[in-house]
Protein backbone atom coordinates (compact mmCIF):
# COMPACT_ATOMS: atom_id res chain seq x y z
CA MET A 1 -34.84 5.59 12.17
CA PRO A 2 -31.75 5.65 9.89
CA ALA A 3 -30.23 2.29 9.05
CA PRO A 4 -27.20 1.45 11.21
CA LEU A 5 -23.80 1.75 9.59
CA PRO A 6 -22.15 -1.60 8.79
CA VAL A 7 -19.43 -2.94 11.04
CA PRO A 8 -16.12 -2.33 9.21
CA ASN A 9 -14.19 -5.37 8.05
CA PHE A 10 -10.43 -4.79 7.75
CA ASP A 11 -9.60 -8.27 6.45
CA PRO A 12 -8.44 -8.08 2.79
CA GLY A 13 -10.05 -11.49 2.28
CA ALA A 14 -13.47 -9.86 2.66
CA ALA A 15 -12.88 -7.85 -0.51
CA TYR A 16 -10.73 -10.24 -2.51
CA PRO A 17 -11.70 -13.95 -2.44
CA GLU A 18 -8.27 -14.85 -3.82
CA VAL A 19 -6.72 -13.86 -0.49
CA ASP A 20 -8.45 -16.55 1.56
CA ARG A 21 -7.80 -19.15 -1.13
CA MET A 22 -4.14 -18.20 -1.15
CA ARG A 23 -3.89 -18.32 2.65
CA ALA A 24 -5.49 -21.77 2.69
CA ALA A 25 -3.23 -23.09 -0.07
CA LEU A 26 -0.08 -21.78 1.61
CA THR A 27 -1.12 -23.15 4.99
CA ALA A 28 -1.84 -26.55 3.39
CA SER A 29 1.51 -26.49 1.54
CA ASP A 30 -0.37 -27.00 -1.72
CA TRP A 31 1.97 -25.52 -4.33
CA PRO A 32 -0.14 -26.31 -7.44
CA ALA A 33 -3.07 -24.48 -5.81
CA VAL A 34 -0.87 -21.50 -4.89
CA ARG A 35 0.49 -21.22 -8.42
CA ASP A 36 -2.99 -21.53 -9.95
CA ILE A 37 -4.29 -18.64 -7.82
CA PHE A 38 -1.44 -16.37 -8.91
CA ASP A 39 -1.63 -17.47 -12.55
CA ARG A 40 -5.19 -16.11 -12.67
CA LEU A 41 -4.02 -12.64 -11.64
CA ASP A 42 -1.97 -10.03 -13.43
CA GLY A 43 -0.71 -6.51 -12.85
CA PRO A 44 -1.12 -4.98 -9.39
CA GLY A 45 -3.35 -7.84 -8.25
CA ARG A 46 -0.46 -10.29 -8.32
CA THR A 47 1.85 -7.89 -6.48
CA ILE A 48 -0.75 -7.16 -3.80
CA LEU A 49 -1.29 -10.88 -3.25
CA VAL A 50 2.48 -11.43 -3.01
CA GLN A 51 2.65 -8.73 -0.32
CA LEU A 52 -0.26 -10.26 1.61
CA ALA A 53 1.26 -13.74 1.35
CA GLY A 54 4.23 -12.48 3.33
CA GLU A 55 1.93 -12.08 6.32
CA VAL A 56 1.01 -15.80 6.44
CA LYS A 57 2.86 -17.26 9.40
CA GLY A 58 5.15 -20.28 9.22
CA ILE A 59 5.39 -20.64 5.43
CA GLU A 60 9.19 -20.34 5.10
CA PRO A 61 9.94 -24.13 5.27
CA PHE A 62 7.26 -24.87 2.66
CA LEU A 63 8.53 -22.23 0.24
CA ARG A 64 12.12 -23.39 0.67
CA SER A 65 11.03 -26.94 -0.16
CA VAL A 66 9.39 -25.69 -3.36
CA LEU A 67 12.59 -23.85 -4.30
CA ALA A 68 14.69 -26.94 -3.55
CA ALA A 69 12.66 -28.77 -6.19
CA GLU A 70 12.35 -25.79 -8.58
CA PRO A 71 15.30 -23.39 -8.00
CA ALA A 72 14.28 -21.06 -10.83
CA GLU A 73 10.63 -20.72 -9.75
CA PRO A 74 10.07 -16.93 -9.54
CA LEU A 75 6.81 -16.99 -7.62
CA ALA A 76 8.06 -19.21 -4.78
CA ALA A 77 11.23 -17.15 -4.45
CA THR A 78 9.34 -13.86 -4.44
CA LEU A 79 6.86 -15.17 -1.85
CA LEU A 80 9.77 -16.22 0.36
CA ALA A 81 11.34 -12.77 -0.01
CA SER A 82 8.00 -11.18 0.87
CA TYR A 83 7.79 -13.32 4.00
CA LEU A 84 11.32 -12.29 5.05
CA ILE A 85 10.61 -8.59 4.43
CA ILE A 86 7.32 -8.64 6.38
CA THR A 87 8.96 -10.53 9.25
CA GLY A 88 11.84 -8.07 9.26
CA TRP A 89 9.53 -5.06 9.42
CA GLU A 90 7.59 -6.67 12.26
CA ILE A 91 10.85 -6.94 14.19
CA ARG A 92 11.77 -3.33 13.42
CA SER A 93 8.22 -2.06 14.14
CA GLY A 94 6.72 1.06 12.61
CA ALA A 95 8.37 3.37 15.12
CA ARG A 96 10.66 6.22 14.12
CA ALA A 97 14.31 5.18 13.89
CA ARG A 98 15.25 6.83 17.19
CA HIS A 99 12.84 4.49 19.00
CA VAL A 100 14.18 1.25 17.41
CA SER A 101 16.89 -0.65 19.30
CA ARG A 102 20.23 -1.72 17.85
CA GLU A 103 19.18 -5.36 18.18
CA GLN A 104 15.96 -4.70 16.29
CA PHE A 105 17.83 -2.98 13.48
CA ALA A 106 20.33 -5.84 13.23
CA ALA A 107 17.59 -8.46 12.87
CA PHE A 108 15.62 -6.21 10.52
CA HIS A 109 18.58 -5.70 8.18
CA ASP A 110 19.45 -9.40 8.28
CA HIS A 111 15.98 -10.32 7.04
CA LEU A 112 16.08 -7.67 4.33
CA ARG A 113 19.55 -8.72 3.14
CA ARG A 114 18.39 -12.33 2.84
CA ALA A 115 15.34 -11.17 0.88
CA GLU A 116 17.58 -9.00 -1.32
CA ARG A 117 19.78 -11.93 -2.31
CA ILE A 118 16.71 -13.90 -3.34
CA LEU A 119 15.20 -11.01 -5.31
CA ILE A 120 18.45 -10.23 -7.13
CA ASP A 121 18.40 -13.80 -8.44
CA VAL A 122 14.73 -13.59 -9.43
CA THR A 123 15.11 -10.34 -11.38
CA ALA A 124 18.30 -11.61 -13.05
CA ARG A 125 16.52 -14.74 -14.26
CA HIS A 126 13.18 -13.02 -14.93
CA PRO A 127 13.78 -9.31 -15.71
CA GLY A 128 10.08 -8.66 -16.29
CA TYR A 129 8.85 -10.12 -13.01
CA VAL A 130 7.15 -7.03 -11.61
CA PRO A 131 6.27 -8.31 -8.10
CA ALA A 132 9.96 -8.97 -7.43
CA TRP A 133 10.97 -5.49 -8.60
CA THR A 134 8.28 -3.96 -6.38
CA LEU A 135 9.68 -5.76 -3.36
CA ARG A 136 13.17 -4.62 -4.32
CA ILE A 137 12.01 -0.99 -4.12
CA ALA A 138 10.82 -1.56 -0.55
CA ASP A 139 14.03 -3.43 0.23
CA ALA A 140 16.13 -0.53 -1.04
CA ARG A 141 14.31 1.75 1.38
CA GLY A 142 14.73 -0.54 4.36
CA LEU A 143 18.41 -1.15 3.60
CA GLU A 144 18.93 2.59 3.12
CA LEU A 145 20.45 2.18 -0.35
CA GLY A 146 19.43 5.68 -1.34
CA GLN A 147 17.12 7.56 -3.68
CA SER A 148 19.04 6.79 -6.87
CA GLU A 149 19.08 3.04 -6.31
CA ALA A 150 15.38 2.95 -5.45
CA ARG A 151 14.60 4.96 -8.60
CA ARG A 152 16.81 2.66 -10.70
CA ARG A 153 14.79 -0.33 -9.55
CA TYR A 154 11.55 1.46 -10.30
CA ASP A 155 12.78 2.39 -13.77
CA GLN A 156 13.52 -1.26 -14.46
CA LEU A 157 9.99 -2.14 -13.43
CA VAL A 158 8.22 0.49 -15.54
CA ARG A 159 9.82 -0.91 -18.68
CA HIS A 160 7.41 -3.80 -18.21
CA GLU A 161 4.44 -2.18 -16.45
CA PRO A 162 4.41 1.64 -16.50
CA HIS A 163 1.49 2.40 -14.14
CA HIS A 164 2.07 -0.19 -11.42
CA LEU A 165 0.51 1.44 -8.35
CA PRO A 166 2.09 -0.78 -5.64
CA ALA A 167 5.55 0.10 -6.94
CA GLN A 168 4.68 3.78 -7.23
CA ALA A 169 3.31 3.86 -3.68
CA SER A 170 6.51 2.24 -2.43
CA LEU A 171 8.78 4.69 -4.24
CA LEU A 172 6.65 7.60 -3.04
CA GLN A 173 7.53 6.59 0.51
CA GLN A 174 11.21 6.69 -0.43
CA PHE A 175 10.82 10.24 -1.73
CA CYS A 176 9.28 11.53 1.52
CA PRO A 177 11.55 13.35 4.01
CA LYS A 178 11.22 10.56 6.58
CA TRP A 179 13.28 8.44 4.15
CA SER A 180 15.72 11.24 3.27
CA GLY A 181 13.67 12.63 0.40
CA THR A 182 12.02 16.03 -0.04
CA TRP A 183 8.43 17.17 -0.32
CA GLU A 184 9.21 18.69 -3.71
CA LYS A 185 10.40 15.33 -5.01
CA ALA A 186 7.49 13.44 -3.43
CA PHE A 187 4.83 15.78 -4.83
CA ALA A 188 6.47 15.83 -8.27
CA PHE A 189 6.48 12.03 -8.42
CA ALA A 190 2.85 11.71 -7.26
CA ARG A 191 1.73 14.23 -9.89
CA GLU A 192 3.82 12.59 -12.62
CA CYS A 193 2.25 9.18 -11.97
CA THR A 194 -1.28 10.53 -11.63
CA LEU A 195 -1.19 12.51 -14.86
CA ALA A 196 0.39 9.67 -16.83
CA ALA A 197 -2.09 7.00 -15.72
CA PRO A 198 -5.11 6.10 -17.89
CA ALA A 199 -8.54 7.56 -17.15
CA GLY A 200 -10.19 5.79 -14.24
CA ALA A 201 -6.95 4.25 -12.97
CA PRO A 202 -6.45 4.23 -9.19
CA ASN A 203 -3.11 6.08 -9.36
CA GLY A 204 -4.70 9.40 -8.38
CA VAL A 205 -4.60 8.12 -4.81
CA LEU A 206 -0.89 9.02 -4.80
CA ILE A 207 -1.88 12.69 -4.61
CA ALA A 208 -4.00 11.97 -1.54
CA ASP A 209 -1.16 9.88 -0.09
CA VAL A 210 1.47 12.59 -0.40
CA TYR A 211 -0.76 15.27 1.12
CA LEU A 212 -1.56 12.93 3.98
CA GLU A 213 2.13 12.19 4.54
CA ARG A 214 3.03 15.88 4.58
CA TRP A 215 0.21 16.88 6.92
CA LEU A 216 0.97 14.12 9.41
CA ASP A 217 4.65 14.98 9.33
CA SER A 218 4.13 18.73 9.71
CA ASP A 219 3.84 18.75 13.50
CA SER A 220 3.43 15.48 15.34
CA ASP A 221 3.01 17.32 18.65
CA THR A 222 0.09 19.43 17.49
CA ASP A 223 -3.55 18.51 17.93
CA LEU A 224 -5.17 17.01 14.81
CA ALA A 225 -7.70 19.83 14.60
CA GLU A 226 -4.90 22.41 14.53
CA ARG A 227 -2.98 20.46 11.92
CA THR A 228 -6.00 20.40 9.61
CA ALA A 229 -6.60 24.15 9.85
CA ASN A 230 -4.16 25.00 7.04
CA ARG A 231 -5.34 22.28 4.68
CA ARG A 232 -8.34 23.88 3.13
CA ASP A 233 -6.74 26.31 0.73
CA GLU A 234 -8.19 26.35 -2.77
CA ALA A 235 -5.13 24.87 -4.50
CA THR A 236 -5.07 21.84 -2.20
CA LEU A 237 -8.80 21.28 -2.47
CA ARG A 238 -8.69 21.56 -6.25
CA GLU A 239 -5.81 19.10 -6.57
CA ILE A 240 -7.49 16.49 -4.36
CA TRP A 241 -10.73 16.84 -6.32
CA ASP A 242 -8.86 16.56 -9.62
CA ALA A 243 -7.11 13.40 -8.39
CA ALA A 244 -10.43 11.91 -7.28
CA GLN A 245 -12.05 12.73 -10.61
CA ARG A 246 -9.23 10.90 -12.37
CA SER A 247 -9.72 7.85 -10.16
CA VAL A 248 -12.54 7.02 -7.73
CA LEU A 249 -14.99 9.54 -9.23
CA HIS A 250 -14.27 8.55 -12.82
CA PRO A 251 -16.87 6.32 -14.56
CA GLN A 252 -14.13 3.91 -15.64
CA PHE A 253 -12.84 3.29 -12.10
CA ARG A 254 -13.03 -0.45 -11.43
CA HIS A 255 -12.98 -2.53 -8.26
CA THR A 256 -9.80 -4.39 -9.11
CA PRO A 257 -7.41 -5.53 -6.33
CA GLY A 258 -6.37 -2.52 -4.30
CA TRP A 259 -9.57 -0.53 -4.75
CA VAL A 260 -10.58 -0.76 -1.08
CA SER A 261 -7.48 1.08 0.12
CA VAL A 262 -7.88 3.70 -2.62
CA ARG A 263 -11.47 4.53 -1.63
CA ASN A 264 -10.61 4.50 2.09
CA THR A 265 -7.80 6.98 1.47
CA PHE A 266 -10.05 9.36 -0.43
CA ALA A 267 -12.75 8.99 2.24
CA ALA A 268 -10.22 10.05 4.88
CA MET A 269 -8.94 12.89 2.74
CA PHE A 270 -12.42 14.27 2.05
CA CYS A 271 -13.14 14.20 5.78
CA LEU A 272 -9.95 16.13 6.50
CA LEU A 273 -10.97 18.72 3.92
CA ASP A 274 -14.52 19.02 5.30
CA GLN A 275 -15.91 17.57 2.07
CA TYR A 276 -18.27 15.35 3.97
CA ALA A 277 -20.79 14.54 1.23
CA ALA A 278 -17.91 13.32 -0.95
CA ALA A 279 -16.61 11.23 1.96
CA VAL A 280 -20.04 9.68 2.46
CA ALA A 281 -20.10 8.68 -1.22
CA GLN A 282 -16.86 6.77 -0.70
CA PHE A 283 -18.10 5.09 2.47
CA GLU A 284 -21.29 4.09 0.65
CA ALA A 285 -19.27 2.55 -2.19
CA LEU A 286 -17.17 0.65 0.36
CA GLY A 287 -20.04 -0.77 2.41
CA PRO A 288 -18.40 -2.73 5.26
CA LEU A 289 -14.97 -2.89 3.62
CA ALA A 290 -12.11 -1.03 5.29
CA SER A 291 -8.32 -1.03 5.10
CA GLU A 292 -5.69 -0.44 7.77
CA ARG A 293 -4.16 2.27 5.62
CA PRO A 294 -4.75 5.22 6.02
CA TRP A 295 -6.65 4.96 9.30
CA ALA A 296 -3.74 3.47 11.26
CA TYR A 297 -1.77 6.65 10.59
CA PHE A 298 -3.96 8.40 13.17
CA GLY A 299 -3.81 5.72 15.86
CA ASP A 300 -6.04 2.69 16.23
CA ALA A 301 -7.40 1.96 12.75
CA ALA A 302 -10.87 0.81 13.83
CA GLU A 303 -11.40 3.72 16.23
CA THR A 304 -10.23 6.27 13.67
CA TYR A 305 -12.38 4.76 10.95
CA HIS A 306 -15.43 4.91 13.21
CA GLU A 307 -14.69 8.52 14.18
CA PHE A 308 -14.20 9.74 10.62
CA ARG A 309 -17.16 7.83 9.18
CA SER A 310 -19.53 8.96 11.94
CA ARG A 311 -18.53 12.56 11.41
CA ALA A 312 -18.95 12.24 7.63
CA TYR A 313 -22.51 10.91 7.92
CA ALA A 314 -23.43 13.45 10.59
CA LYS A 315 -22.26 16.37 8.48
CA GLY A 316 -22.55 15.08 4.93
CA GLY A 317 -25.75 13.09 4.84
CA ALA A 318 -27.62 10.57 7.00
CA ARG A 319 -28.63 7.05 6.08
């Protein structure tokens, strides 16, 4: 009998121990512990943790007390901005704009404007503070400040960290048509970032992201099977494989913060392209670890993950 597949775990804390330590420190209002956790991280890891910190409920009074004592503290301010942005997006919901009420939009924009004021101060005092610039890219999108302003913020960031994947993923969203961009601009940006990144870097996932965005946007009223029928042309397949070979299939690919989402995205993409053995390889590398993105794009994340993974093992190799 083949071994049963592991139950997927979507909690980021299962992959990154820093997440649970951060949650505990924030909940306990232990600022020295919070700062120590972040001081041990650099690059995308710090930004990812800042984004996840925004999901911890009820931390606004604690962070404001830290800022009252240390007004120039960039981490506390950026964490507070992250909390406001996450809370604002929860109010707005992930629905298309036509399904969001006027009251939701008002509360959403209020939260984002408050976060923006905080982040403007952080980046003025600390121009190289990359997590704050990354949040400002997302804020520009939510406040509908336009393509040029979002790109200006990104260009400020890359002066300090040129291959920062969380910022690139955020700007890629801005360049998609759903945020008034174009597919030409989105694909050009994904390719630019992928080709510029070092060997083994995770940035190749941007190619998978932009294809996924385009396919899901192509016809929301069409059955998934029909929408996948035009995906298997040679040029598409070759570009996805090239992106994977630059990232998850490269011998220098490392399991640094963010790797779980990268492998999950390629697993989904390989399934959509009927490259089931390649998808199985990604699921094997992941073990029980899963991420909401990209599975939630298709509906319930856990159900979609189970469907895709089961199909991959059935067609690409059994345990």
